[in-house]
C-alpha atoms as a PDB file:
ATOM      1  CA  UNK A   1    -105.071 130.393 -29.848  1.00  0.00           C
ATOM      2  CA  UNK A   2    -103.745 131.262 -26.406  1.00  0.00           C
ATOM      3  CA  UNK A   3    -105.616 133.314 -23.828  1.00  0.00           C
ATOM      4  CA  UNK A   4    -103.908 134.712 -20.733  1.00  0.00           C
ATOM      5  CA  UNK A   5    -105.792 136.001 -17.693  1.00  0.00           C
ATOM      6  CA  UNK A   6    -103.976 137.671 -14.800  1.00  0.00           C
ATOM      7  CA  UNK A   7    -105.193 138.083 -11.248  1.00  0.00           C
ATOM      8  CA  UNK A   8    -103.818 138.772  -7.788  1.00  0.00           C
ATOM      9  CA  UNK A   9    -103.030 142.460  -7.989  1.00  0.00           C
ATOM     10  CA  UNK A  10    -104.045 144.905  -5.298  1.00  0.00           C
ATOM     11  CA  UNK A  11    -102.958 147.517  -2.783  1.00  0.00           C
ATOM     12  CA  UNK A  12    -100.196 146.633  -0.337  1.00  0.00           C
ATOM     13  CA  UNK A  13     -97.915 148.542   1.998  1.00  0.00           C
ATOM     14  CA  UNK A  14     -94.201 148.802   1.338  1.00  0.00           C
ATOM     15  CA  UNK A  15     -92.457 145.673   2.580  1.00  0.00           C
ATOM     16  CA  UNK A  16     -95.498 143.529   1.911  1.00  0.00           C
ATOM     17  CA  UNK A  17     -96.040 140.667  -0.518  1.00  0.00           C
ATOM     18  CA  UNK A  18     -98.352 139.736  -3.366  1.00  0.00           C
ATOM     19  CA  UNK A  19     -98.627 136.756  -5.685  1.00  0.00           C
ATOM     20  CA  UNK A  20     -99.765 137.329  -9.248  1.00  0.00           C
ATOM     21  CA  UNK A  21    -101.385 134.506 -11.206  1.00  0.00           C
ATOM     22  CA  UNK A  22    -101.677 134.046 -14.961  1.00  0.00           C
ATOM     23  CA  UNK A  23    -103.980 131.294 -16.188  1.00  0.00           C
ATOM     24  CA  UNK A  24    -103.332 130.092 -19.705  1.00  0.00           C
ATOM     25  CA  UNK A  25    -105.777 128.400 -22.044  1.00  0.00           C
ATOM     26  CA  UNK A  26    -105.076 127.040 -25.500  1.00  0.00           C
ATOM     27  CA  UNK A  27    -102.480 124.537 -24.323  1.00  0.00           C
ATOM     28  CA  UNK A  28    -102.306 122.923 -27.758  1.00  0.00           C
ATOM     29  CA  UNK A  29    -100.069 125.833 -28.805  1.00  0.00           C
ATOM     30  CA  UNK A  30     -96.424 125.160 -27.954  1.00  0.00           C
ATOM     31  CA  UNK A  31     -94.987 127.968 -25.846  1.00  0.00           C
ATOM     32  CA  UNK A  32     -91.248 128.576 -25.516  1.00  0.00           C
ATOM     33  CA  UNK A  33     -91.149 131.391 -22.970  1.00  0.00           C
ATOM     34  CA  UNK A  34     -93.535 133.122 -20.598  1.00  0.00           C
ATOM     35  CA  UNK A  35     -92.923 136.441 -18.957  1.00  0.00           C
ATOM     36  CA  UNK A  36     -94.168 139.132 -16.651  1.00  0.00           C
ATOM     37  CA  UNK A  37     -93.987 142.736 -17.819  1.00  0.00           C
ATOM     38  CA  UNK A  38     -95.030 145.874 -16.007  1.00  0.00           C
ATOM     39  CA  UNK A  39     -95.873 149.422 -16.991  1.00  0.00           C
ATOM     40  CA  UNK A  40     -95.959 152.323 -14.570  1.00  0.00           C
ATOM     41  CA  UNK A  41     -97.803 155.564 -15.394  1.00  0.00           C
ATOM     42  CA  UNK A  42     -95.800 157.669 -17.814  1.00  0.00           C
ATOM     43  CA  UNK A  43     -93.151 154.992 -18.290  1.00  0.00           C
ATOM     44  CA  UNK A  44     -92.339 152.422 -20.935  1.00  0.00           C
ATOM     45  CA  UNK A  45     -93.297 148.810 -20.473  1.00  0.00           C
ATOM     46  CA  UNK A  46     -90.558 146.894 -18.666  1.00  0.00           C
ATOM     47  CA  UNK A  47     -89.674 143.206 -18.773  1.00  0.00           C
ATOM     48  CA  UNK A  48     -89.682 141.967 -15.168  1.00  0.00           C
ATOM     49  CA  UNK A  49     -89.047 138.215 -15.358  1.00  0.00           C
ATOM     50  CA  UNK A  50     -89.051 135.326 -17.800  1.00  0.00           C
ATOM     51  CA  UNK A  51     -89.268 131.550 -17.556  1.00  0.00           C
ATOM     52  CA  UNK A  52     -88.491 129.126 -20.377  1.00  0.00           C
ATOM     53  CA  UNK A  53     -90.128 125.810 -21.182  1.00  0.00           C
ATOM     54  CA  UNK A  54     -87.244 124.060 -19.401  1.00  0.00           C
ATOM     55  CA  UNK A  55     -87.540 126.242 -16.321  1.00  0.00           C
ATOM     56  CA  UNK A  56     -84.703 128.717 -16.846  1.00  0.00           C
ATOM     57  CA  UNK A  57     -85.473 132.088 -15.272  1.00  0.00           C
ATOM     58  CA  UNK A  58     -84.248 135.651 -15.680  1.00  0.00           C
ATOM     59  CA  UNK A  59     -85.036 138.849 -13.797  1.00  0.00           C
ATOM     60  CA  UNK A  60     -84.523 142.554 -14.220  1.00  0.00           C
ATOM     61  CA  UNK A  61     -81.925 143.741 -11.718  1.00  0.00           C
ATOM     62  CA  UNK A  62     -84.387 145.833  -9.720  1.00  0.00           C
ATOM     63  CA  UNK A  63     -86.406 142.774  -8.626  1.00  0.00           C
ATOM     64  CA  UNK A  64     -83.656 140.175  -8.165  1.00  0.00           C
ATOM     65  CA  UNK A  65     -83.864 138.588  -4.724  1.00  0.00           C
ATOM     66  CA  UNK A  66     -87.414 139.893  -4.187  1.00  0.00           C
ATOM     67  CA  UNK A  67     -89.513 138.403  -7.018  1.00  0.00           C
ATOM     68  CA  UNK A  68     -89.810 134.767  -8.093  1.00  0.00           C
ATOM     69  CA  UNK A  69     -91.351 133.569 -11.367  1.00  0.00           C
ATOM     70  CA  UNK A  70     -92.615 129.980 -11.514  1.00  0.00           C
ATOM     71  CA  UNK A  71     -94.986 127.661 -13.355  1.00  0.00           C
ATOM     72  CA  UNK A  72     -95.949 128.260 -16.961  1.00  0.00           C
ATOM     73  CA  UNK A  73     -95.474 124.698 -18.149  1.00  0.00           C
ATOM     74  CA  UNK A  74     -98.140 123.443 -20.592  1.00  0.00           C
ATOM     75  CA  UNK A  75    -101.430 123.475 -18.774  1.00  0.00           C
ATOM     76  CA  UNK A  76    -100.005 125.101 -15.659  1.00  0.00           C
ATOM     77  CA  UNK A  77    -100.513 128.536 -14.219  1.00  0.00           C
ATOM     78  CA  UNK A  78     -97.761 131.143 -14.268  1.00  0.00           C
ATOM     79  CA  UNK A  79     -96.955 132.889 -10.992  1.00  0.00           C
ATOM     80  CA  UNK A  80     -95.021 135.901  -9.828  1.00  0.00           C
ATOM     81  CA  UNK A  81     -94.283 135.905  -6.113  1.00  0.00           C
ATOM     82  CA  UNK A  82     -93.389 139.452  -5.077  1.00  0.00           C
ATOM     83  CA  UNK A  83     -91.816 140.059  -1.669  1.00  0.00           C
ATOM     84  CA  UNK A  84     -90.481 143.191   0.030  1.00  0.00           C
ATOM     85  CA  UNK A  85     -92.492 145.355  -2.337  1.00  0.00           C
ATOM     86  CA  UNK A  86     -91.448 148.957  -2.870  1.00  0.00           C
ATOM     87  CA  UNK A  87     -93.458 151.977  -4.048  1.00  0.00           C
ATOM     88  CA  UNK A  88     -91.469 151.897  -7.297  1.00  0.00           C
ATOM     89  CA  UNK A  89     -92.976 148.462  -8.022  1.00  0.00           C
ATOM     90  CA  UNK A  90     -96.342 150.155  -8.553  1.00  0.00           C
ATOM     91  CA  UNK A  91     -97.509 149.360 -12.089  1.00  0.00           C
ATOM     92  CA  UNK A  92     -99.900 147.353 -14.206  1.00  0.00           C
ATOM     93  CA  UNK A  93     -98.428 143.865 -14.498  1.00  0.00           C
ATOM     94  CA  UNK A  94     -98.940 141.851 -17.682  1.00  0.00           C
ATOM     95  CA  UNK A  95     -98.461 138.187 -18.440  1.00  0.00           C
ATOM     96  CA  UNK A  96     -97.038 137.357 -21.882  1.00  0.00           C
ATOM     97  CA  UNK A  97     -96.118 134.268 -23.890  1.00  0.00           C
ATOM     98  CA  UNK A  98     -94.246 133.543 -27.107  1.00  0.00           C
ATOM     99  CA  UNK A  99     -93.932 130.489 -29.311  1.00  0.00           C
ATOM    100  CA  UNK A 100     -90.212 130.735 -29.924  1.00  0.00           C
ATOM    101  CA  UNK A 101     -87.093 132.688 -29.032  1.00  0.00           C
ATOM    102  CA  UNK A 102     -87.107 134.121 -32.559  1.00  0.00           C
ATOM    103  CA  UNK A 103     -90.459 135.836 -32.049  1.00  0.00           C
ATOM    104  CA  UNK A 104     -91.768 138.761 -30.086  1.00  0.00           C
ATOM    105  CA  UNK A 105     -94.271 137.937 -27.374  1.00  0.00           C
ATOM    106  CA  UNK A 106     -97.344 136.788 -29.285  1.00  0.00           C
ATOM    107  CA  UNK A 107     -99.905 136.633 -26.500  1.00  0.00           C
ATOM    108  CA  UNK A 108    -100.783 139.099 -23.751  1.00  0.00           C
ATOM    109  CA  UNK A 109    -103.113 139.255 -20.806  1.00  0.00           C
ATOM    110  CA  UNK A 110    -105.238 142.252 -19.893  1.00  0.00           C
ATOM    111  CA  UNK A 111    -103.083 143.262 -16.916  1.00  0.00           C
ATOM    112  CA  UNK A 112    -103.535 143.509 -13.168  1.00  0.00           C
ATOM    113  CA  UNK A 113    -102.841 146.620 -11.077  1.00  0.00           C
ATOM    114  CA  UNK A 114    -100.286 146.496  -8.270  1.00  0.00           C
ATOM    115  CA  UNK A 115    -100.093 149.527  -5.993  1.00  0.00           C
ATOM    116  CA  UNK A 116     -97.510 149.778  -3.217  1.00  0.00           C
ATOM    117  CA  UNK A 117     -98.012 152.519  -0.653  1.00  0.00           C
ATOM    118  CA  UNK A 118     -95.168 154.046   1.327  1.00  0.00           C
END
């Protein structure tokens, strides 16, 4: 069993920075990919960034050059460094993990709110 717990959200002005943290327990379960998703009010959940077990990363175009995903290796914490935040980044951010590329994300955190004021 894997448990994910996010923290680090908050209120920040446009142009500011935040670092989200996702602590993972249940390290005996092999994880292939970890990710950050976000969901804004009235919108569908959006994949923000992913990191594989070998460290390969991917980002949605809207955050490229501003956000950095790191960590997530067995026993390590997953991070999302967010710089130059914009009001459109306001959302609940979720940490997720999956056991293999062939599966949907199996494990989810409870989410942390990020609010960016203009």
